[in-house]
């Protein structure tokens, strides 16, 4: 029964990785018909409303401390998605997928600044591999960098900050409350920026409804709930490896659907980033004998 549950959990997590990978394609196509801030607003507003309704009792009993922590996390969440969404306007979806994945490698170093917990040797190796990969993937021969890649790199830093902030605040706050508040905060900030920079003359067109629902219901609501439940029945190592495949699916779908080119530079840079993510998240513990791991 344990093997069966763990297998189902791993397959569920794989579906999350596929959904997140496909999100890069959906978002890039949606940006042809809707402004980035309005796209983010609808994504987070729908997710926050539904999740808030499901967790109404928990949200109703939230303290000021919980709300403040959720708002701080929400600022990082908004900044990450905003820079990523703009990055997709100026760069290939596949490159954005892999550069975004670099946030996993950055988390230990940002958390170090918060908690004083020093990164281990695997984190250092992963950081080196990651930035080599980003350099190969993004820098031109004259060492200039595409604005889209630069925005995505900032996005990775914001995502890493958001993850580190959750790790810091979740110790004393309800993680489900934090989830709802951060999504609501991201929605509110998206609306403010949309009204400021994209105007009030906005019409929700039919060809943007499905992308919005995809990102709100599948990419946010479904993915969050599935990840939370699945991690009860599978190991952290399995979770890390499977979810790191998001960048692989994103890149593969970009090549197949958007006809983006698969060059040697693209392949080597992407592979370096993928290995850095796996190194940082798993410490390659899945290669060690079980008795050595439990020692």
Foldseek 3Di string as FASTA:
>chain_A
DLVVLLVVLLVLLLVLLLLLLCLLVLLLVLVVPDPQLVLLLLQLVLQLVVLCVVCVVQLVPFDPLLLVLLLVLLVLVLLLSSLLSVLSPFDFQLLLLLLLLLLLLCQQVLLCVVPVDDDDPLSVLLNVLQVVLLQLQAADPVRDGTSSSVSSNVSSPSVSNSVSSCVVSVVPGPSSNSLSSSSVSSSVVSVVVCCVPVNDPDDDDPSNPVSSCSCRVSVRVSSVVSLVVSCVSHPQLSSQLSNLCSSVSNNVCSCVPVVDDDDPSNVSSSVSSSVSSSSSRRVVCVPDDPVVVVD
